[in-house]
Amino acid sequence: MVTPEQIKEYIGHGLACEHLQVEGDGQHFEAIIVSREFEGKSPIQRHQLVYKALGDRMREEIHALSMKTHTPEQWAKIA
């Protein structure tokens, strides 16, 4: 069973993050991801970057992942 720490590691290896938080119960996960790579991207494009970082794990290991994706500037306003 995949853990929140593993998902955090997977995302962090594939995407430069300034803040990365993952919580979950082994089946369903929630992530807050802050990255400069999100600048100028739509929410769908941001999610695609995260899915790319996760690769096949999204289909094979992770059953559900809810994401909140922010640029550093957006995060500074809400954190």
PDB file of N, CA and C in Angstrom:
ATOM      1  N   MET A   1       0.850  -1.177   0.000  1.00  0.00           N
ATOM      2  CA  MET A   1       0.000   0.000   0.000  1.00  0.00           C
ATOM      3  C   MET A   1       0.900   1.246   0.000  1.00  0.00           C
ATOM      4  N   VAL A   2       0.579   2.178  -0.846  1.00  0.00           N
ATOM      5  CA  VAL A   2       1.349   3.413  -0.958  1.00  0.00           C
ATOM      6  C   VAL A   2       1.015   4.349   0.209  1.00  0.00           C
ATOM      7  N   THR A   3       2.024   5.086   0.661  1.00  0.00           N
ATOM      8  CA  THR A   3       1.848   6.003   1.795  1.00  0.00           C
ATOM      9  C   THR A   3       1.901   7.459   1.314  1.00  0.00           C
ATOM     10  N   PRO A   4       1.386   8.386   2.115  1.00  0.00           N
ATOM     11  CA  PRO A   4       1.501   9.801   1.753  1.00  0.00           C
ATOM     12  C   PRO A   4       2.960  10.226   1.549  1.00  0.00           C
ATOM     13  N   GLU A   5       3.863   9.687   2.359  1.00  0.00           N
ATOM     14  CA  GLU A   5       5.276  10.025   2.232  1.00  0.00           C
ATOM     15  C   GLU A   5       5.834   9.588   0.878  1.00  0.00           C
ATOM     16  N   GLN A   6       5.409   8.419   0.406  1.00  0.00           N
ATOM     17  CA  GLN A   6       5.865   7.935  -0.902  1.00  0.00           C
ATOM     18  C   GLN A   6       5.349   8.838  -2.022  1.00  0.00           C
ATOM     19  N   ILE A   7       4.096   9.230  -1.947  1.00  0.00           N
ATOM     20  CA  ILE A   7       3.530  10.103  -2.973  1.00  0.00           C
ATOM     21  C   ILE A   7       4.263  11.441  -2.965  1.00  0.00           C
ATOM     22  N   LYS A   8       4.551  11.951  -1.783  1.00  0.00           N
ATOM     23  CA  LYS A   8       5.302  13.198  -1.667  1.00  0.00           C
ATOM     24  C   LYS A   8       6.667  13.046  -2.337  1.00  0.00           C
ATOM     25  N   GLU A   9       7.317  11.927  -2.104  1.00  0.00           N
ATOM     26  CA  GLU A   9       8.623  11.664  -2.719  1.00  0.00           C
ATOM     27  C   GLU A   9       8.502  11.569  -4.241  1.00  0.00           C
ATOM     28  N   TYR A  10       7.493  10.863  -4.734  1.00  0.00           N
ATOM     29  CA  TYR A  10       7.297  10.708  -6.182  1.00  0.00           C
ATOM     30  C   TYR A  10       7.103  12.075  -6.849  1.00  0.00           C
ATOM     31  N   ILE A  11       6.223  12.885  -6.271  1.00  0.00           N
ATOM     32  CA  ILE A  11       5.948  14.201  -6.853  1.00  0.00           C
ATOM     33  C   ILE A  11       7.200  15.072  -6.781  1.00  0.00           C
ATOM     34  N   GLY A  12       7.860  15.061  -5.635  1.00  0.00           N
ATOM     35  CA  GLY A  12       9.046  15.886  -5.441  1.00  0.00           C
ATOM     36  C   GLY A  12      10.193  15.547  -6.377  1.00  0.00           C
ATOM     37  N   HIS A  13      10.291  14.289  -6.763  1.00  0.00           N
ATOM     38  CA  HIS A  13      11.350  13.892  -7.693  1.00  0.00           C
ATOM     39  C   HIS A  13      11.052  14.340  -9.121  1.00  0.00           C
ATOM     40  N   GLY A  14       9.783  14.476  -9.456  1.00  0.00           N
ATOM     41  CA  GLY A  14       9.420  14.818 -10.823  1.00  0.00           C
ATOM     42  C   GLY A  14       9.006  16.258 -11.046  1.00  0.00           C
ATOM     43  N   LEU A  15       8.898  17.022  -9.967  1.00  0.00           N
ATOM     44  CA  LEU A  15       8.411  18.390 -10.073  1.00  0.00           C
ATOM     45  C   LEU A  15       9.083  19.232  -8.995  1.00  0.00           C
ATOM     46  N   ALA A  16       9.689  20.326  -9.385  1.00  0.00           N
ATOM     47  CA  ALA A  16      10.338  21.216  -8.411  1.00  0.00           C
ATOM     48  C   ALA A  16       9.259  21.921  -7.591  1.00  0.00           C
ATOM     49  N   CYS A  17       9.214  21.630  -6.305  1.00  0.00           N
ATOM     50  CA  CYS A  17       8.171  22.183  -5.433  1.00  0.00           C
ATOM     51  C   CYS A  17       8.783  23.058  -4.347  1.00  0.00           C
ATOM     52  N   GLU A  18       8.106  24.142  -4.064  1.00  0.00           N
ATOM     53  CA  GLU A  18       8.512  24.996  -2.958  1.00  0.00           C
ATOM     54  C   GLU A  18       7.796  24.595  -1.676  1.00  0.00           C
ATOM     55  N   HIS A  19       6.655  23.984  -1.831  1.00  0.00           N
ATOM     56  CA  HIS A  19       5.904  23.435  -0.693  1.00  0.00           C
ATOM     57  C   HIS A  19       5.155  22.217  -1.213  1.00  0.00           C
ATOM     58  N   LEU A  20       5.176  21.146  -0.429  1.00  0.00           N
ATOM     59  CA  LEU A  20       4.505  19.917  -0.849  1.00  0.00           C
ATOM     60  C   LEU A  20       4.004  19.206   0.391  1.00  0.00           C
ATOM     61  N   GLN A  21       2.708  19.048   0.448  1.00  0.00           N
ATOM     62  CA  GLN A  21       2.065  18.394   1.588  1.00  0.00           C
ATOM     63  C   GLN A  21       1.125  17.332   1.053  1.00  0.00           C
ATOM     64  N   VAL A  22       1.237  16.111   1.570  1.00  0.00           N
ATOM     65  CA  VAL A  22       0.360  15.027   1.138  1.00  0.00           C
ATOM     66  C   VAL A  22      -0.187  14.324   2.374  1.00  0.00           C
ATOM     67  N   GLU A  23      -1.482  14.100   2.368  1.00  0.00           N
ATOM     68  CA  GLU A  23      -2.141  13.361   3.441  1.00  0.00           C
ATOM     69  C   GLU A  23      -3.040  12.309   2.807  1.00  0.00           C
ATOM     70  N   GLY A  24      -3.287  11.234   3.549  1.00  0.00           N
ATOM     71  CA  GLY A  24      -4.179  10.220   3.014  1.00  0.00           C
ATOM     72  C   GLY A  24      -4.204   8.971   3.857  1.00  0.00           C
ATOM     73  N   ASP A  25      -5.066   8.054   3.444  1.00  0.00           N
ATOM     74  CA  ASP A  25      -5.303   6.835   4.214  1.00  0.00           C
ATOM     75  C   ASP A  25      -4.846   5.561   3.497  1.00  0.00           C
ATOM     76  N   GLY A  26      -4.064   5.711   2.443  1.00  0.00           N
ATOM     77  CA  GLY A  26      -3.621   4.536   1.695  1.00  0.00           C
ATOM     78  C   GLY A  26      -4.446   4.287   0.441  1.00  0.00           C
ATOM     79  N   GLN A  27      -5.620   4.849   0.376  1.00  0.00           N
ATOM     80  CA  GLN A  27      -6.494   4.728  -0.794  1.00  0.00           C
ATOM     81  C   GLN A  27      -6.777   6.095  -1.412  1.00  0.00           C
ATOM     82  N   HIS A  28      -7.116   7.044  -0.566  1.00  0.00           N
ATOM     83  CA  HIS A  28      -7.475   8.395  -1.003  1.00  0.00           C
ATOM     84  C   HIS A  28      -6.470   9.384  -0.426  1.00  0.00           C
ATOM     85  N   PHE A  29      -6.004  10.285  -1.282  1.00  0.00           N
ATOM     86  CA  PHE A  29      -4.971  11.225  -0.876  1.00  0.00           C
ATOM     87  C   PHE A  29      -5.350  12.649  -1.263  1.00  0.00           C
ATOM     88  N   GLU A  30      -4.829  13.601  -0.490  1.00  0.00           N
ATOM     89  CA  GLU A  30      -4.995  15.016  -0.780  1.00  0.00           C
ATOM     90  C   GLU A  30      -3.606  15.641  -0.776  1.00  0.00           C
ATOM     91  N   ALA A  31      -3.343  16.488  -1.769  1.00  0.00           N
ATOM     92  CA  ALA A  31      -2.034  17.120  -1.867  1.00  0.00           C
ATOM     93  C   ALA A  31      -2.178  18.623  -2.069  1.00  0.00           C
ATOM     94  N   ILE A  32      -1.301  19.352  -1.408  1.00  0.00           N
ATOM     95  CA  ILE A  32      -1.130  20.784  -1.657  1.00  0.00           C
ATOM     96  C   ILE A  32       0.253  20.913  -2.272  1.00  0.00           C
ATOM     97  N   ILE A  33       0.295  21.460  -3.480  1.00  0.00           N
ATOM     98  CA  ILE A  33       1.545  21.517  -4.231  1.00  0.00           C
ATOM     99  C   ILE A  33       1.785  22.958  -4.675  1.00  0.00           C
ATOM    100  N   VAL A  34       2.945  23.491  -4.320  1.00  0.00           N
ATOM    101  CA  VAL A  34       3.324  24.845  -4.694  1.00  0.00           C
ATOM    102  C   VAL A  34       4.580  24.746  -5.550  1.00  0.00           C
ATOM    103  N   SER A  35       4.491  25.254  -6.784  1.00  0.00           N
ATOM    104  CA  SER A  35       5.622  25.150  -7.700  1.00  0.00           C
ATOM    105  C   SER A  35       5.645  26.337  -8.658  1.00  0.00           C
ATOM    106  N   ARG A  36       6.842  26.812  -8.952  1.00  0.00           N
ATOM    107  CA  ARG A  36       7.001  27.861  -9.968  1.00  0.00           C
ATOM    108  C   ARG A  36       6.619  27.336 -11.348  1.00  0.00           C
ATOM    109  N   GLU A  37       6.693  26.029 -11.525  1.00  0.00           N
ATOM    110  CA  GLU A  37       6.345  25.434 -12.819  1.00  0.00           C
ATOM    111  C   GLU A  37       4.862  25.611 -13.153  1.00  0.00           C
ATOM    112  N   PHE A  38       4.048  25.993 -12.177  1.00  0.00           N
ATOM    113  CA  PHE A  38       2.621  26.214 -12.407  1.00  0.00           C
ATOM    114  C   PHE A  38       2.318  27.602 -12.967  1.00  0.00           C
ATOM    115  N   GLU A  39       3.303  28.494 -12.940  1.00  0.00           N
ATOM    116  CA  GLU A  39       3.076  29.867 -13.396  1.00  0.00           C
ATOM    117  C   GLU A  39       2.647  29.881 -14.862  1.00  0.00           C
ATOM    118  N   GLY A  40       1.547  30.595 -15.131  1.00  0.00           N
ATOM    119  CA  GLY A  40       1.034  30.701 -16.491  1.00  0.00           C
ATOM    120  C   GLY A  40       0.277  29.487 -16.981  1.00  0.00           C
ATOM    121  N   LYS A  41       0.042  28.514 -16.103  1.00  0.00           N
ATOM    122  CA  LYS A  41      -0.641  27.282 -16.491  1.00  0.00           C
ATOM    123  C   LYS A  41      -2.069  27.271 -15.945  1.00  0.00           C
ATOM    124  N   SER A  42      -2.966  26.650 -16.700  1.00  0.00           N
ATOM    125  CA  SER A  42      -4.345  26.465 -16.238  1.00  0.00           C
ATOM    126  C   SER A  42      -4.363  25.360 -15.176  1.00  0.00           C
ATOM    127  N   PRO A  43      -5.449  25.257 -14.419  1.00  0.00           N
ATOM    128  CA  PRO A  43      -5.539  24.167 -13.440  1.00  0.00           C
ATOM    129  C   PRO A  43      -5.352  22.784 -14.080  1.00  0.00           C
ATOM    130  N   ILE A  44      -5.898  22.578 -15.254  1.00  0.00           N
ATOM    131  CA  ILE A  44      -5.744  21.281 -15.923  1.00  0.00           C
ATOM    132  C   ILE A  44      -4.276  21.030 -16.271  1.00  0.00           C
ATOM    133  N   GLN A  45      -3.602  22.049 -16.778  1.00  0.00           N
ATOM    134  CA  GLN A  45      -2.181  21.895 -17.119  1.00  0.00           C
ATOM    135  C   GLN A  45      -1.341  21.635 -15.868  1.00  0.00           C
ATOM    136  N   ARG A  46      -1.700  22.236 -14.765  1.00  0.00           N
ATOM    137  CA  ARG A  46      -0.989  21.995 -13.507  1.00  0.00           C
ATOM    138  C   ARG A  46      -1.154  20.547 -13.067  1.00  0.00           C
ATOM    139  N   HIS A  47      -2.373  20.053 -13.148  1.00  0.00           N
ATOM    140  CA  HIS A  47      -2.630  18.658 -12.765  1.00  0.00           C
ATOM    141  C   HIS A  47      -1.880  17.706 -13.696  1.00  0.00           C
ATOM    142  N   GLN A  48      -1.818  18.049 -14.963  1.00  0.00           N
ATOM    143  CA  GLN A  48      -1.077  17.215 -15.904  1.00  0.00           C
ATOM    144  C   GLN A  48       0.403  17.136 -15.532  1.00  0.00           C
ATOM    145  N   LEU A  49       0.974  18.228 -15.055  1.00  0.00           N
ATOM    146  CA  LEU A  49       2.370  18.206 -14.609  1.00  0.00           C
ATOM    147  C   LEU A  49       2.547  17.258 -13.424  1.00  0.00           C
ATOM    148  N   VAL A  50       1.591  17.271 -12.509  1.00  0.00           N
ATOM    149  CA  VAL A  50       1.668  16.373 -11.349  1.00  0.00           C
ATOM    150  C   VAL A  50       1.506  14.929 -11.806  1.00  0.00           C
ATOM    151  N   TYR A  51       0.546  14.662 -12.691  1.00  0.00           N
ATOM    152  CA  TYR A  51       0.357  13.303 -13.203  1.00  0.00           C
ATOM    153  C   TYR A  51       1.607  12.810 -13.916  1.00  0.00           C
ATOM    154  N   LYS A  52       2.273  13.700 -14.652  1.00  0.00           N
ATOM    155  CA  LYS A  52       3.507  13.331 -15.333  1.00  0.00           C
ATOM    156  C   LYS A  52       4.572  12.945 -14.309  1.00  0.00           C
ATOM    157  N   ALA A  53       4.659  13.693 -13.221  1.00  0.00           N
ATOM    158  CA  ALA A  53       5.620  13.378 -12.163  1.00  0.00           C
ATOM    159  C   ALA A  53       5.325  12.020 -11.527  1.00  0.00           C
ATOM    160  N   LEU A  54       4.056  11.682 -11.411  1.00  0.00           N
ATOM    161  CA  LEU A  54       3.674  10.400 -10.809  1.00  0.00           C
ATOM    162  C   LEU A  54       3.800   9.239 -11.785  1.00  0.00           C
ATOM    163  N   GLY A  55       3.717   9.508 -13.069  1.00  0.00           N
ATOM    164  CA  GLY A  55       3.852   8.456 -14.079  1.00  0.00           C
ATOM    165  C   GLY A  55       2.795   7.377 -13.938  1.00  0.00           C
ATOM    166  N   ASP A  56       3.202   6.140 -14.141  1.00  0.00           N
ATOM    167  CA  ASP A  56       2.276   5.003 -14.089  1.00  0.00           C
ATOM    168  C   ASP A  56       1.735   4.740 -12.691  1.00  0.00           C
ATOM    169  N   ARG A  57       2.354   5.313 -11.691  1.00  0.00           N
ATOM    170  CA  ARG A  57       1.883   5.099 -10.321  1.00  0.00           C
ATOM    171  C   ARG A  57       0.443   5.581 -10.145  1.00  0.00           C
ATOM    172  N   MET A  58       0.063   6.595 -10.917  1.00  0.00           N
ATOM    173  CA  MET A  58      -1.300   7.127 -10.797  1.00  0.00           C
ATOM    174  C   MET A  58      -2.320   6.071 -11.174  1.00  0.00           C
ATOM    175  N   ARG A  59      -1.999   5.241 -12.125  1.00  0.00           N
ATOM    176  CA  ARG A  59      -2.930   4.183 -12.529  1.00  0.00           C
ATOM    177  C   ARG A  59      -2.771   2.928 -11.675  1.00  0.00           C
ATOM    178  N   GLU A  60      -1.549   2.643 -11.257  1.00  0.00           N
ATOM    179  CA  GLU A  60      -1.265   1.360 -10.623  1.00  0.00           C
ATOM    180  C   GLU A  60      -1.333   1.372  -9.097  1.00  0.00           C
ATOM    181  N   GLU A  61      -0.901   2.470  -8.471  1.00  0.00           N
ATOM    182  CA  GLU A  61      -0.790   2.484  -7.014  1.00  0.00           C
ATOM    183  C   GLU A  61      -1.741   3.447  -6.324  1.00  0.00           C
ATOM    184  N   ILE A  62      -2.049   4.553  -6.989  1.00  0.00           N
ATOM    185  CA  ILE A  62      -2.819   5.620  -6.354  1.00  0.00           C
ATOM    186  C   ILE A  62      -4.239   5.588  -6.901  1.00  0.00           C
ATOM    187  N   HIS A  63      -5.198   5.373  -6.014  1.00  0.00           N
ATOM    188  CA  HIS A  63      -6.584   5.231  -6.458  1.00  0.00           C
ATOM    189  C   HIS A  63      -7.300   6.571  -6.593  1.00  0.00           C
ATOM    190  N   ALA A  64      -6.983   7.505  -5.709  1.00  0.00           N
ATOM    191  CA  ALA A  64      -7.639   8.812  -5.764  1.00  0.00           C
ATOM    192  C   ALA A  64      -6.698   9.863  -5.192  1.00  0.00           C
ATOM    193  N   LEU A  65      -6.521  10.942  -5.947  1.00  0.00           N
ATOM    194  CA  LEU A  65      -5.653  12.034  -5.506  1.00  0.00           C
ATOM    195  C   LEU A  65      -6.341  13.360  -5.797  1.00  0.00           C
ATOM    196  N   SER A  66      -6.657  14.074  -4.735  1.00  0.00           N
ATOM    197  CA  SER A  66      -7.219  15.415  -4.850  1.00  0.00           C
ATOM    198  C   SER A  66      -6.057  16.388  -4.714  1.00  0.00           C
ATOM    199  N   MET A  67      -5.991  17.373  -5.615  1.00  0.00           N
ATOM    200  CA  MET A  67      -4.860  18.298  -5.609  1.00  0.00           C
ATOM    201  C   MET A  67      -5.313  19.745  -5.529  1.00  0.00           C
ATOM    202  N   LYS A  68      -4.543  20.515  -4.780  1.00  0.00           N
ATOM    203  CA  LYS A  68      -4.638  21.966  -4.805  1.00  0.00           C
ATOM    204  C   LYS A  68      -3.269  22.433  -5.273  1.00  0.00           C
ATOM    205  N   THR A  69      -3.235  23.092  -6.417  1.00  0.00           N
ATOM    206  CA  THR A  69      -1.967  23.506  -7.007  1.00  0.00           C
ATOM    207  C   THR A  69      -1.889  25.028  -7.015  1.00  0.00           C
ATOM    208  N   HIS A  70      -0.751  25.541  -6.562  1.00  0.00           N
ATOM    209  CA  HIS A  70      -0.573  26.984  -6.439  1.00  0.00           C
ATOM    210  C   HIS A  70       0.813  27.394  -6.921  1.00  0.00           C
ATOM    211  N   THR A  71       0.911  28.614  -7.420  1.00  0.00           N
ATOM    212  CA  THR A  71       2.218  29.222  -7.651  1.00  0.00           C
ATOM    213  C   THR A  71       2.701  29.752  -6.297  1.00  0.00           C
ATOM    214  N   PRO A  72       3.982  30.040  -6.153  1.00  0.00           N
ATOM    215  CA  PRO A  72       4.456  30.604  -4.887  1.00  0.00           C
ATOM    216  C   PRO A  72       3.738  31.909  -4.513  1.00  0.00           C
ATOM    217  N   GLU A  73       3.432  32.733  -5.500  1.00  0.00           N
ATOM    218  CA  GLU A  73       2.740  33.985  -5.227  1.00  0.00           C
ATOM    219  C   GLU A  73       1.306  33.735  -4.703  1.00  0.00           C
ATOM    220  N   GLN A  74       0.621  32.781  -5.301  1.00  0.00           N
ATOM    221  CA  GLN A  74      -0.731  32.435  -4.835  1.00  0.00           C
ATOM    222  C   GLN A  74      -0.664  31.880  -3.423  1.00  0.00           C
ATOM    223  N   TRP A  75       0.310  31.029  -3.175  1.00  0.00           N
ATOM    224  CA  TRP A  75       0.452  30.393  -1.860  1.00  0.00           C
ATOM    225  C   TRP A  75       0.741  31.439  -0.775  1.00  0.00           C
ATOM    226  N   ALA A  76       1.551  32.422  -1.105  1.00  0.00           N
ATOM    227  CA  ALA A  76       1.897  33.468  -0.133  1.00  0.00           C
ATOM    228  C   ALA A  76       0.657  34.235   0.322  1.00  0.00           C
ATOM    229  N   LYS A  77      -0.344  34.331  -0.542  1.00  0.00           N
ATOM    230  CA  LYS A  77      -1.561  35.054  -0.189  1.00  0.00           C
ATOM    231  C   LYS A  77      -2.501  34.254   0.697  1.00  0.00           C
ATOM    232  N   ILE A  78      -2.413  32.916   0.647  1.00  0.00           N
ATOM    233  CA  ILE A  78      -3.370  32.098   1.399  1.00  0.00           C
ATOM    234  C   ILE A  78      -2.750  31.350   2.570  1.00  0.00           C
ATOM    235  N   ALA A  79      -1.448  31.241   2.596  1.00  0.00           N
ATOM    236  CA  ALA A  79      -0.776  30.471   3.657  1.00  0.00           C
ATOM    237  C   ALA A  79      -0.590  31.309   4.908  1.00  0.00           C
TER     238      ALA A  79
END
